[in-house]
Amino acid sequence: MLLQKQQTVPYIGVFKLNSGEEFIGKVVREQDTYYIISKPLCMVGTERGFQFAPFIMMGDMDSDITLPKPVINTLPNKAILDQYETATSTIALPKQSSIII
């Protein structure tokens, strides 16, 4: 069996459950049998396109969740990572720098 190298905590990960649901969140602690994840969000389709929504609609967004292993886990692509950081940041992040002439 191949063992996957653990990421350095904290990190932002994408998770896919056995039910097919997929979400993104910040892993604040990782043990052999579970993850502790803060600010879990999923993508939902709206009239304005896809947007983030709370993964657990009736849950407290400020509370961490415990996710038992095994689940599929990977790192997010750059576009989703940037959107997640913007959506969960308490400060306004600047857009990419540009040169003004």
PDB file of N, CA and C in Angstrom:
ATOM      1  N   MET A   1       0.844  -1.169   0.000  1.00  0.00           N
ATOM      2  CA  MET A   1       0.000   0.000   0.000  1.00  0.00           C
ATOM      3  C   MET A   1       0.889   1.232   0.000  1.00  0.00           C
ATOM      4  N   LEU A   2       0.510   2.218  -0.813  1.00  0.00           N
ATOM      5  CA  LEU A   2       1.231   3.479  -0.857  1.00  0.00           C
ATOM      6  C   LEU A   2       0.677   4.421   0.195  1.00  0.00           C
ATOM      7  N   LEU A   3       1.553   5.075   0.911  1.00  0.00           N
ATOM      8  CA  LEU A   3       1.131   6.053   1.895  1.00  0.00           C
ATOM      9  C   LEU A   3       1.333   7.436   1.328  1.00  0.00           C
ATOM     10  N   GLN A   4       0.307   8.277   1.470  1.00  0.00           N
ATOM     11  CA  GLN A   4       0.398   9.646   0.994  1.00  0.00           C
ATOM     12  C   GLN A   4       1.073  10.494   2.063  1.00  0.00           C
ATOM     13  N   LYS A   5       2.013  11.321   1.631  1.00  0.00           N
ATOM     14  CA  LYS A   5       2.688  12.225   2.550  1.00  0.00           C
ATOM     15  C   LYS A   5       1.697  13.264   3.054  1.00  0.00           C
ATOM     16  N   GLN A   6       1.648  13.458   4.374  1.00  0.00           N
ATOM     17  CA  GLN A   6       0.742  14.440   4.939  1.00  0.00           C
ATOM     18  C   GLN A   6       1.222  15.849   4.625  1.00  0.00           C
ATOM     19  N   GLN A   7       0.273  16.749   4.393  1.00  0.00           N
ATOM     20  CA  GLN A   7       0.570  18.150   4.168  1.00  0.00           C
ATOM     21  C   GLN A   7       0.925  18.802   5.499  1.00  0.00           C
ATOM     22  N   THR A   8       1.588  19.927   5.438  1.00  0.00           N
ATOM     23  CA  THR A   8       1.887  20.691   6.640  1.00  0.00           C
ATOM     24  C   THR A   8       0.625  21.452   7.048  1.00  0.00           C
ATOM     25  N   VAL A   9       0.166  21.205   8.261  1.00  0.00           N
ATOM     26  CA  VAL A   9      -1.054  21.829   8.773  1.00  0.00           C
ATOM     27  C   VAL A   9      -0.723  23.221   9.253  1.00  0.00           C
ATOM     28  N   PRO A  10      -1.530  24.245   9.026  1.00  0.00           N
ATOM     29  CA  PRO A  10      -2.816  24.223   8.317  1.00  0.00           C
ATOM     30  C   PRO A  10      -2.637  24.314   6.806  1.00  0.00           C
ATOM     31  N   TYR A  11      -3.581  23.726   6.088  1.00  0.00           N
ATOM     32  CA  TYR A  11      -3.611  23.823   4.632  1.00  0.00           C
ATOM     33  C   TYR A  11      -5.064  23.750   4.164  1.00  0.00           C
ATOM     34  N   ILE A  12      -5.294  24.200   2.953  1.00  0.00           N
ATOM     35  CA  ILE A  12      -6.635  24.164   2.376  1.00  0.00           C
ATOM     36  C   ILE A  12      -6.712  22.936   1.492  1.00  0.00           C
ATOM     37  N   GLY A  13      -7.734  22.113   1.738  1.00  0.00           N
ATOM     38  CA  GLY A  13      -7.893  20.872   0.994  1.00  0.00           C
ATOM     39  C   GLY A  13      -9.279  20.741   0.395  1.00  0.00           C
ATOM     40  N   VAL A  14      -9.374  19.902  -0.625  1.00  0.00           N
ATOM     41  CA  VAL A  14     -10.646  19.553  -1.246  1.00  0.00           C
ATOM     42  C   VAL A  14     -10.934  18.111  -0.870  1.00  0.00           C
ATOM     43  N   PHE A  15     -12.182  17.840  -0.460  1.00  0.00           N
ATOM     44  CA  PHE A  15     -12.567  16.515   0.016  1.00  0.00           C
ATOM     45  C   PHE A  15     -13.765  16.013  -0.773  1.00  0.00           C
ATOM     46  N   LYS A  16     -13.761  14.718  -1.080  1.00  0.00           N
ATOM     47  CA  LYS A  16     -14.910  14.086  -1.738  1.00  0.00           C
ATOM     48  C   LYS A  16     -15.327  12.915  -0.866  1.00  0.00           C
ATOM     49  N   LEU A  17     -16.589  12.935  -0.461  1.00  0.00           N
ATOM     50  CA  LEU A  17     -17.127  11.902   0.421  1.00  0.00           C
ATOM     51  C   LEU A  17     -17.629  10.704  -0.377  1.00  0.00           C
ATOM     52  N   ASN A  18     -17.897   9.594   0.306  1.00  0.00           N
ATOM     53  CA  ASN A  18     -18.442   8.405  -0.349  1.00  0.00           C
ATOM     54  C   ASN A  18     -19.790   8.686  -1.002  1.00  0.00           C
ATOM     55  N   SER A  19     -20.532   9.660  -0.482  1.00  0.00           N
ATOM     56  CA  SER A  19     -21.841  10.016  -1.032  1.00  0.00           C
ATOM     57  C   SER A  19     -21.729  10.815  -2.330  1.00  0.00           C
ATOM     58  N   GLY A  20     -20.516  11.255  -2.677  1.00  0.00           N
ATOM     59  CA  GLY A  20     -20.311  12.033  -3.887  1.00  0.00           C
ATOM     60  C   GLY A  20     -20.216  13.524  -3.630  1.00  0.00           C
ATOM     61  N   GLU A  21     -20.550  13.955  -2.418  1.00  0.00           N
ATOM     62  CA  GLU A  21     -20.452  15.379  -2.099  1.00  0.00           C
ATOM     63  C   GLU A  21     -18.995  15.809  -2.060  1.00  0.00           C
ATOM     64  N   GLU A  22     -18.753  17.023  -2.513  1.00  0.00           N
ATOM     65  CA  GLU A  22     -17.401  17.565  -2.574  1.00  0.00           C
ATOM     66  C   GLU A  22     -17.390  18.928  -1.889  1.00  0.00           C
ATOM     67  N   PHE A  23     -16.361  19.191  -1.089  1.00  0.00           N
ATOM     68  CA  PHE A  23     -16.263  20.491  -0.432  1.00  0.00           C
ATOM     69  C   PHE A  23     -14.809  20.868  -0.219  1.00  0.00           C
ATOM     70  N   ILE A  24     -14.605  22.144   0.101  1.00  0.00           N
ATOM     71  CA  ILE A  24     -13.275  22.685   0.348  1.00  0.00           C
ATOM     72  C   ILE A  24     -13.263  23.233   1.771  1.00  0.00           C
ATOM     73  N   GLY A  25     -12.124  23.144   2.431  1.00  0.00           N
ATOM     74  CA  GLY A  25     -12.016  23.666   3.788  1.00  0.00           C
ATOM     75  C   GLY A  25     -10.571  23.734   4.230  1.00  0.00           C
ATOM     76  N   LYS A  26     -10.348  24.434   5.329  1.00  0.00           N
ATOM     77  CA  LYS A  26      -9.012  24.587   5.884  1.00  0.00           C
ATOM     78  C   LYS A  26      -8.779  23.504   6.934  1.00  0.00           C
ATOM     79  N   VAL A  27      -7.795  22.639   6.697  1.00  0.00           N
ATOM     80  CA  VAL A  27      -7.458  21.585   7.637  1.00  0.00           C
ATOM     81  C   VAL A  27      -6.618  22.203   8.750  1.00  0.00           C
ATOM     82  N   VAL A  28      -7.165  22.211   9.952  1.00  0.00           N
ATOM     83  CA  VAL A  28      -6.459  22.802  11.082  1.00  0.00           C
ATOM     84  C   VAL A  28      -5.777  21.737  11.947  1.00  0.00           C
ATOM     85  N   ARG A  29      -6.207  20.485  11.801  1.00  0.00           N
ATOM     86  CA  ARG A  29      -5.550  19.377  12.498  1.00  0.00           C
ATOM     87  C   ARG A  29      -5.807  18.096  11.724  1.00  0.00           C
ATOM     88  N   GLU A  30      -4.792  17.233  11.677  1.00  0.00           N
ATOM     89  CA  GLU A  30      -4.927  15.949  10.991  1.00  0.00           C
ATOM     90  C   GLU A  30      -4.348  14.856  11.868  1.00  0.00           C
ATOM     91  N   GLN A  31      -5.156  13.821  12.091  1.00  0.00           N
ATOM     92  CA  GLN A  31      -4.735  12.653  12.859  1.00  0.00           C
ATOM     93  C   GLN A  31      -4.811  11.427  11.945  1.00  0.00           C
ATOM     94  N   ASP A  32      -4.460  10.276  12.466  1.00  0.00           N
ATOM     95  CA  ASP A  32      -4.496   9.056  11.661  1.00  0.00           C
ATOM     96  C   ASP A  32      -5.906   8.698  11.212  1.00  0.00           C
ATOM     97  N   THR A  33      -6.922   9.030  12.018  1.00  0.00           N
ATOM     98  CA  THR A  33      -8.284   8.590  11.720  1.00  0.00           C
ATOM     99  C   THR A  33      -9.258   9.708  11.364  1.00  0.00           C
ATOM    100  N   TYR A  34      -8.841  10.974  11.448  1.00  0.00           N
ATOM    101  CA  TYR A  34      -9.770  12.062  11.154  1.00  0.00           C
ATOM    102  C   TYR A  34      -9.047  13.363  10.823  1.00  0.00           C
ATOM    103  N   TYR A  35      -9.815  14.287  10.219  1.00  0.00           N
ATOM    104  CA  TYR A  35      -9.377  15.662   9.975  1.00  0.00           C
ATOM    105  C   TYR A  35     -10.258  16.584  10.819  1.00  0.00           C
ATOM    106  N   ILE A  36      -9.711  17.696  11.281  1.00  0.00           N
ATOM    107  CA  ILE A  36     -10.495  18.792  11.845  1.00  0.00           C
ATOM    108  C   ILE A  36     -10.436  19.909  10.807  1.00  0.00           C
ATOM    109  N   ILE A  37     -11.617  20.341  10.326  1.00  0.00           N
ATOM    110  CA  ILE A  37     -11.684  21.286   9.213  1.00  0.00           C
ATOM    111  C   ILE A  37     -12.493  22.510   9.630  1.00  0.00           C
ATOM    112  N   SER A  38     -11.952  23.690   9.301  1.00  0.00           N
ATOM    113  CA  SER A  38     -12.683  24.926   9.570  1.00  0.00           C
ATOM    114  C   SER A  38     -13.180  25.517   8.260  1.00  0.00           C
ATOM    115  N   LYS A  39     -14.275  26.228   8.339  1.00  0.00           N
ATOM    116  CA  LYS A  39     -14.902  26.931   7.213  1.00  0.00           C
ATOM    117  C   LYS A  39     -15.114  26.037   5.988  1.00  0.00           C
ATOM    118  N   PRO A  40     -15.824  24.901   6.155  1.00  0.00           N
ATOM    119  CA  PRO A  40     -16.092  24.047   4.990  1.00  0.00           C
ATOM    120  C   PRO A  40     -17.151  24.669   4.085  1.00  0.00           C
ATOM    121  N   LEU A  41     -16.856  24.746   2.800  1.00  0.00           N
ATOM    122  CA  LEU A  41     -17.767  25.316   1.818  1.00  0.00           C
ATOM    123  C   LEU A  41     -17.928  24.369   0.636  1.00  0.00           C
ATOM    124  N   CYS A  42     -19.104  24.393   0.021  1.00  0.00           N
ATOM    125  CA  CYS A  42     -19.339  23.616  -1.192  1.00  0.00           C
ATOM    126  C   CYS A  42     -19.772  24.578  -2.292  1.00  0.00           C
ATOM    127  N   MET A  43     -19.771  24.117  -3.525  1.00  0.00           N
ATOM    128  CA  MET A  43     -20.179  24.940  -4.672  1.00  0.00           C
ATOM    129  C   MET A  43     -21.645  24.645  -4.976  1.00  0.00           C
ATOM    130  N   VAL A  44     -22.424  25.705  -5.207  1.00  0.00           N
ATOM    131  CA  VAL A  44     -23.826  25.560  -5.604  1.00  0.00           C
ATOM    132  C   VAL A  44     -24.077  26.416  -6.839  1.00  0.00           C
ATOM    133  N   GLY A  45     -24.971  25.943  -7.685  1.00  0.00           N
ATOM    134  CA  GLY A  45     -25.323  26.692  -8.883  1.00  0.00           C
ATOM    135  C   GLY A  45     -26.405  27.721  -8.578  1.00  0.00           C
ATOM    136  N   THR A  46     -26.205  28.947  -9.031  1.00  0.00           N
ATOM    137  CA  THR A  46     -27.191  30.013  -8.862  1.00  0.00           C
ATOM    138  C   THR A  46     -27.424  30.673 -10.214  1.00  0.00           C
ATOM    139  N   GLU A  47     -28.310  31.679 -10.231  1.00  0.00           N
ATOM    140  CA  GLU A  47     -28.562  32.404 -11.477  1.00  0.00           C
ATOM    141  C   GLU A  47     -27.300  33.105 -11.965  1.00  0.00           C
ATOM    142  N   ARG A  48     -26.405  33.458 -11.040  1.00  0.00           N
ATOM    143  CA  ARG A  48     -25.166  34.168 -11.395  1.00  0.00           C
ATOM    144  C   ARG A  48     -23.981  33.225 -11.569  1.00  0.00           C
ATOM    145  N   GLY A  49     -24.233  31.944 -11.704  1.00  0.00           N
ATOM    146  CA  GLY A  49     -23.157  30.966 -11.854  1.00  0.00           C
ATOM    147  C   GLY A  49     -22.902  30.230 -10.547  1.00  0.00           C
ATOM    148  N   PHE A  50     -21.782  29.549 -10.463  1.00  0.00           N
ATOM    149  CA  PHE A  50     -21.453  28.787  -9.265  1.00  0.00           C
ATOM    150  C   PHE A  50     -20.891  29.707  -8.188  1.00  0.00           C
ATOM    151  N   GLN A  51     -21.329  29.466  -6.943  1.00  0.00           N
ATOM    152  CA  GLN A  51     -20.863  30.237  -5.806  1.00  0.00           C
ATOM    153  C   GLN A  51     -20.673  29.309  -4.624  1.00  0.00           C
ATOM    154  N   PHE A  52     -19.899  29.774  -3.632  1.00  0.00           N
ATOM    155  CA  PHE A  52     -19.709  29.001  -2.410  1.00  0.00           C
ATOM    156  C   PHE A  52     -20.933  29.116  -1.514  1.00  0.00           C
ATOM    157  N   ALA A  53     -21.218  28.037  -0.795  1.00  0.00           N
ATOM    158  CA  ALA A  53     -22.286  27.995   0.209  1.00  0.00           C
ATOM    159  C   ALA A  53     -21.773  27.142   1.369  1.00  0.00           C
ATOM    160  N   PRO A  54     -22.332  27.317   2.565  1.00  0.00           N
ATOM    161  CA  PRO A  54     -21.904  26.480   3.689  1.00  0.00           C
ATOM    162  C   PRO A  54     -22.114  25.000   3.378  1.00  0.00           C
ATOM    163  N   PHE A  55     -21.151  24.175   3.737  1.00  0.00           N
ATOM    164  CA  PHE A  55     -21.256  22.738   3.491  1.00  0.00           C
ATOM    165  C   PHE A  55     -22.359  22.131   4.342  1.00  0.00           C
ATOM    166  N   ILE A  56     -22.483  22.590   5.581  1.00  0.00           N
ATOM    167  CA  ILE A  56     -23.549  22.141   6.468  1.00  0.00           C
ATOM    168  C   ILE A  56     -24.444  23.361   6.694  1.00  0.00           C
ATOM    169  N   MET A  57     -25.564  23.407   5.999  1.00  0.00           N
ATOM    170  CA  MET A  57     -26.408  24.600   5.974  1.00  0.00           C
ATOM    171  C   MET A  57     -26.862  25.061   7.357  1.00  0.00           C
ATOM    172  N   MET A  58     -27.207  24.146   8.238  1.00  0.00           N
ATOM    173  CA  MET A  58     -27.731  24.542   9.544  1.00  0.00           C
ATOM    174  C   MET A  58     -26.651  24.574  10.617  1.00  0.00           C
ATOM    175  N   GLY A  59     -25.409  24.348  10.238  1.00  0.00           N
ATOM    176  CA  GLY A  59     -24.303  24.355  11.187  1.00  0.00           C
ATOM    177  C   GLY A  59     -23.750  25.749  11.403  1.00  0.00           C
ATOM    178  N   ASP A  60     -23.027  25.908  12.477  1.00  0.00           N
ATOM    179  CA  ASP A  60     -22.369  27.174  12.799  1.00  0.00           C
ATOM    180  C   ASP A  60     -21.091  27.271  11.975  1.00  0.00           C
ATOM    181  N   MET A  61     -21.002  28.292  11.116  1.00  0.00           N
ATOM    182  CA  MET A  61     -19.833  28.442  10.238  1.00  0.00           C
ATOM    183  C   MET A  61     -18.543  28.714  11.012  1.00  0.00           C
ATOM    184  N   ASP A  62     -18.660  29.164  12.258  1.00  0.00           N
ATOM    185  CA  ASP A  62     -17.466  29.432  13.054  1.00  0.00           C
ATOM    186  C   ASP A  62     -16.981  28.200  13.811  1.00  0.00           C
ATOM    187  N   SER A  63     -17.738  27.101  13.744  1.00  0.00           N
ATOM    188  CA  SER A  63     -17.340  25.868  14.413  1.00  0.00           C
ATOM    189  C   SER A  63     -16.606  24.959  13.438  1.00  0.00           C
ATOM    190  N   ASP A  64     -15.605  24.262  13.944  1.00  0.00           N
ATOM    191  CA  ASP A  64     -14.878  23.286  13.127  1.00  0.00           C
ATOM    192  C   ASP A  64     -15.696  22.007  13.014  1.00  0.00           C
ATOM    193  N   ILE A  65     -15.432  21.240  11.951  1.00  0.00           N
ATOM    194  CA  ILE A  65     -16.077  19.939  11.800  1.00  0.00           C
ATOM    195  C   ILE A  65     -15.015  18.848  11.867  1.00  0.00           C
ATOM    196  N   THR A  66     -15.440  17.665  12.271  1.00  0.00           N
ATOM    197  CA  THR A  66     -14.567  16.500  12.301  1.00  0.00           C
ATOM    198  C   THR A  66     -14.959  15.597  11.140  1.00  0.00           C
ATOM    199  N   LEU A  67     -13.999  15.254  10.307  1.00  0.00           N
ATOM    200  CA  LEU A  67     -14.241  14.411   9.143  1.00  0.00           C
ATOM    201  C   LEU A  67     -13.447  13.121   9.306  1.00  0.00           C
ATOM    202  N   PRO A  68     -14.149  11.990   9.494  1.00  0.00           N
ATOM    203  CA  PRO A  68     -13.422  10.732   9.650  1.00  0.00           C
ATOM    204  C   PRO A  68     -12.769  10.289   8.347  1.00  0.00           C
ATOM    205  N   LYS A  69     -11.618   9.656   8.455  1.00  0.00           N
ATOM    206  CA  LYS A  69     -10.938   9.093   7.290  1.00  0.00           C
ATOM    207  C   LYS A  69     -11.481   7.690   7.076  1.00  0.00           C
ATOM    208  N   PRO A  70     -11.414   7.077   5.944  1.00  0.00           N
ATOM    209  CA  PRO A  70     -10.805   7.568   4.712  1.00  0.00           C
ATOM    210  C   PRO A  70     -11.798   8.349   3.862  1.00  0.00           C
ATOM    211  N   VAL A  71     -11.315   9.375   3.235  1.00  0.00           N
ATOM    212  CA  VAL A  71     -12.043  10.155   2.224  1.00  0.00           C
ATOM    213  C   VAL A  71     -11.036  10.498   1.141  1.00  0.00           C
ATOM    214  N   ILE A  72     -11.536  10.927   0.007  1.00  0.00           N
ATOM    215  CA  ILE A  72     -10.633  11.388  -1.049  1.00  0.00           C
ATOM    216  C   ILE A  72     -10.243  12.815  -0.713  1.00  0.00           C
ATOM    217  N   ASN A  73      -8.949  13.101  -0.729  1.00  0.00           N
ATOM    218  CA  ASN A  73      -8.430  14.401  -0.347  1.00  0.00           C
ATOM    219  C   ASN A  73      -7.383  14.825  -1.362  1.00  0.00           C
ATOM    220  N   THR A  74      -7.469  16.077  -1.802  1.00  0.00           N
ATOM    221  CA  THR A  74      -6.474  16.628  -2.712  1.00  0.00           C
ATOM    222  C   THR A  74      -6.347  18.124  -2.452  1.00  0.00           C
ATOM    223  N   LEU A  75      -5.384  18.734  -3.088  1.00  0.00           N
ATOM    224  CA  LEU A  75      -5.225  20.178  -2.981  1.00  0.00           C
ATOM    225  C   LEU A  75      -6.070  20.853  -4.065  1.00  0.00           C
ATOM    226  N   PRO A  76      -6.625  22.037  -3.785  1.00  0.00           N
ATOM    227  CA  PRO A  76      -7.464  22.714  -4.779  1.00  0.00           C
ATOM    228  C   PRO A  76      -6.647  23.316  -5.914  1.00  0.00           C
ATOM    229  N   ASN A  77      -7.322  23.517  -7.056  1.00  0.00           N
ATOM    230  CA  ASN A  77      -6.635  24.219  -8.142  1.00  0.00           C
ATOM    231  C   ASN A  77      -6.525  25.694  -7.780  1.00  0.00           C
ATOM    232  N   LYS A  78      -5.668  26.425  -8.474  1.00  0.00           N
ATOM    233  CA  LYS A  78      -5.346  27.818  -8.129  1.00  0.00           C
ATOM    234  C   LYS A  78      -6.576  28.724  -8.130  1.00  0.00           C
ATOM    235  N   ALA A  79      -7.449  28.589  -9.134  1.00  0.00           N
ATOM    236  CA  ALA A  79      -8.626  29.463  -9.225  1.00  0.00           C
ATOM    237  C   ALA A  79      -9.561  29.254  -8.036  1.00  0.00           C
ATOM    238  N   ILE A  80      -9.820  28.010  -7.682  1.00  0.00           N
ATOM    239  CA  ILE A  80     -10.704  27.714  -6.542  1.00  0.00           C
ATOM    240  C   ILE A  80     -10.044  28.156  -5.248  1.00  0.00           C
ATOM    241  N   LEU A  81      -8.744  27.933  -5.113  1.00  0.00           N
ATOM    242  CA  LEU A  81      -8.023  28.351  -3.912  1.00  0.00           C
ATOM    243  C   LEU A  81      -8.136  29.865  -3.713  1.00  0.00           C
ATOM    244  N   ASP A  82      -7.929  30.634  -4.773  1.00  0.00           N
ATOM    245  CA  ASP A  82      -8.038  32.092  -4.677  1.00  0.00           C
ATOM    246  C   ASP A  82      -9.446  32.519  -4.286  1.00  0.00           C
ATOM    247  N   GLN A  83     -10.454  31.900  -4.885  1.00  0.00           N
ATOM    248  CA  GLN A  83     -11.843  32.233  -4.562  1.00  0.00           C
ATOM    249  C   GLN A  83     -12.169  31.881  -3.118  1.00  0.00           C
ATOM    250  N   TYR A  84     -11.688  30.725  -2.652  1.00  0.00           N
ATOM    251  CA  TYR A  84     -11.941  30.312  -1.270  1.00  0.00           C
ATOM    252  C   TYR A  84     -11.283  31.283  -0.294  1.00  0.00           C
ATOM    253  N   GLU A  85     -10.037  31.647  -0.555  1.00  0.00           N
ATOM    254  CA  GLU A  85      -9.342  32.577   0.337  1.00  0.00           C
ATOM    255  C   GLU A  85     -10.050  33.925   0.377  1.00  0.00           C
ATOM    256  N   THR A  86     -10.547  34.395  -0.755  1.00  0.00           N
ATOM    257  CA  THR A  86     -11.288  35.656  -0.795  1.00  0.00           C
ATOM    258  C   THR A  86     -12.596  35.540  -0.014  1.00  0.00           C
ATOM    259  N   ALA A  87     -13.292  34.417  -0.178  1.00  0.00           N
ATOM    260  CA  ALA A  87     -14.590  34.229   0.485  1.00  0.00           C
ATOM    261  C   ALA A  87     -14.463  34.080   1.995  1.00  0.00           C
ATOM    262  N   THR A  88     -13.356  33.526   2.479  1.00  0.00           N
ATOM    263  CA  THR A  88     -13.233  33.250   3.913  1.00  0.00           C
ATOM    264  C   THR A  88     -12.331  34.222   4.648  1.00  0.00           C
ATOM    265  N   SER A  89     -11.678  35.122   3.933  1.00  0.00           N
ATOM    266  CA  SER A  89     -10.766  36.057   4.567  1.00  0.00           C
ATOM    267  C   SER A  89     -11.532  37.156   5.304  1.00  0.00           C
ATOM    268  N   THR A  90     -10.979  37.593   6.418  1.00  0.00           N
ATOM    269  CA  THR A  90     -11.593  38.688   7.168  1.00  0.00           C
ATOM    270  C   THR A  90     -11.098  40.044   6.674  1.00  0.00           C
ATOM    271  N   ILE A  91     -10.110  40.031   5.793  1.00  0.00           N
ATOM    272  CA  ILE A  91      -9.624  41.277   5.199  1.00  0.00           C
ATOM    273  C   ILE A  91      -9.802  41.199   3.689  1.00  0.00           C
ATOM    274  N   ALA A  92      -9.919  42.346   3.062  1.00  0.00           N
ATOM    275  CA  ALA A  92     -10.059  42.378   1.603  1.00  0.00           C
ATOM    276  C   ALA A  92      -8.697  42.146   0.972  1.00  0.00           C
ATOM    277  N   LEU A  93      -8.611  41.097   0.163  1.00  0.00           N
ATOM    278  CA  LEU A  93      -7.353  40.775  -0.507  1.00  0.00           C
ATOM    279  C   LEU A  93      -7.250  41.552  -1.807  1.00  0.00           C
ATOM    280  N   PRO A  94      -6.072  42.120  -2.122  1.00  0.00           N
ATOM    281  CA  PRO A  94      -5.926  42.847  -3.385  1.00  0.00           C
ATOM    282  C   PRO A  94      -5.903  41.888  -4.564  1.00  0.00           C
ATOM    283  N   LYS A  95      -6.354  42.391  -5.707  1.00  0.00           N
ATOM    284  CA  LYS A  95      -6.255  41.601  -6.933  1.00  0.00           C
ATOM    285  C   LYS A  95      -4.789  41.543  -7.337  1.00  0.00           C
ATOM    286  N   GLN A  96      -4.489  40.734  -8.352  1.00  0.00           N
ATOM    287  CA  GLN A  96      -3.110  40.614  -8.803  1.00  0.00           C
ATOM    288  C   GLN A  96      -2.551  41.986  -9.134  1.00  0.00           C
ATOM    289  N   SER A  97      -1.286  42.166  -8.820  1.00  0.00           N
ATOM    290  CA  SER A  97      -0.663  43.462  -9.085  1.00  0.00           C
ATOM    291  C   SER A  97      -0.541  43.692 -10.583  1.00  0.00           C
ATOM    292  N   SER A  98      -0.627  44.962 -10.950  1.00  0.00           N
ATOM    293  CA  SER A  98      -0.455  45.322 -12.346  1.00  0.00           C
ATOM    294  C   SER A  98       0.390  46.577 -12.416  1.00  0.00           C
ATOM    295  N   ILE A  99       1.011  46.769 -13.530  1.00  0.00           N
ATOM    296  CA  ILE A  99       1.877  47.932 -13.722  1.00  0.00           C
ATOM    297  C   ILE A  99       1.048  49.050 -14.339  1.00  0.00           C
ATOM    298  N   ILE A 100       1.087  50.215 -13.716  1.00  0.00           N
ATOM    299  CA  ILE A 100       0.377  51.374 -14.232  1.00  0.00           C
ATOM    300  C   ILE A 100       1.396  52.297 -14.899  1.00  0.00           C
ATOM    301  N   ILE A 101       1.138  52.618 -16.150  1.00  0.00           N
ATOM    302  CA  ILE A 101       2.076  53.468 -16.904  1.00  0.00           C
ATOM    303  C   ILE A 101       1.477  54.828 -17.116  1.00  0.00           C
TER     304      ILE A 101
END
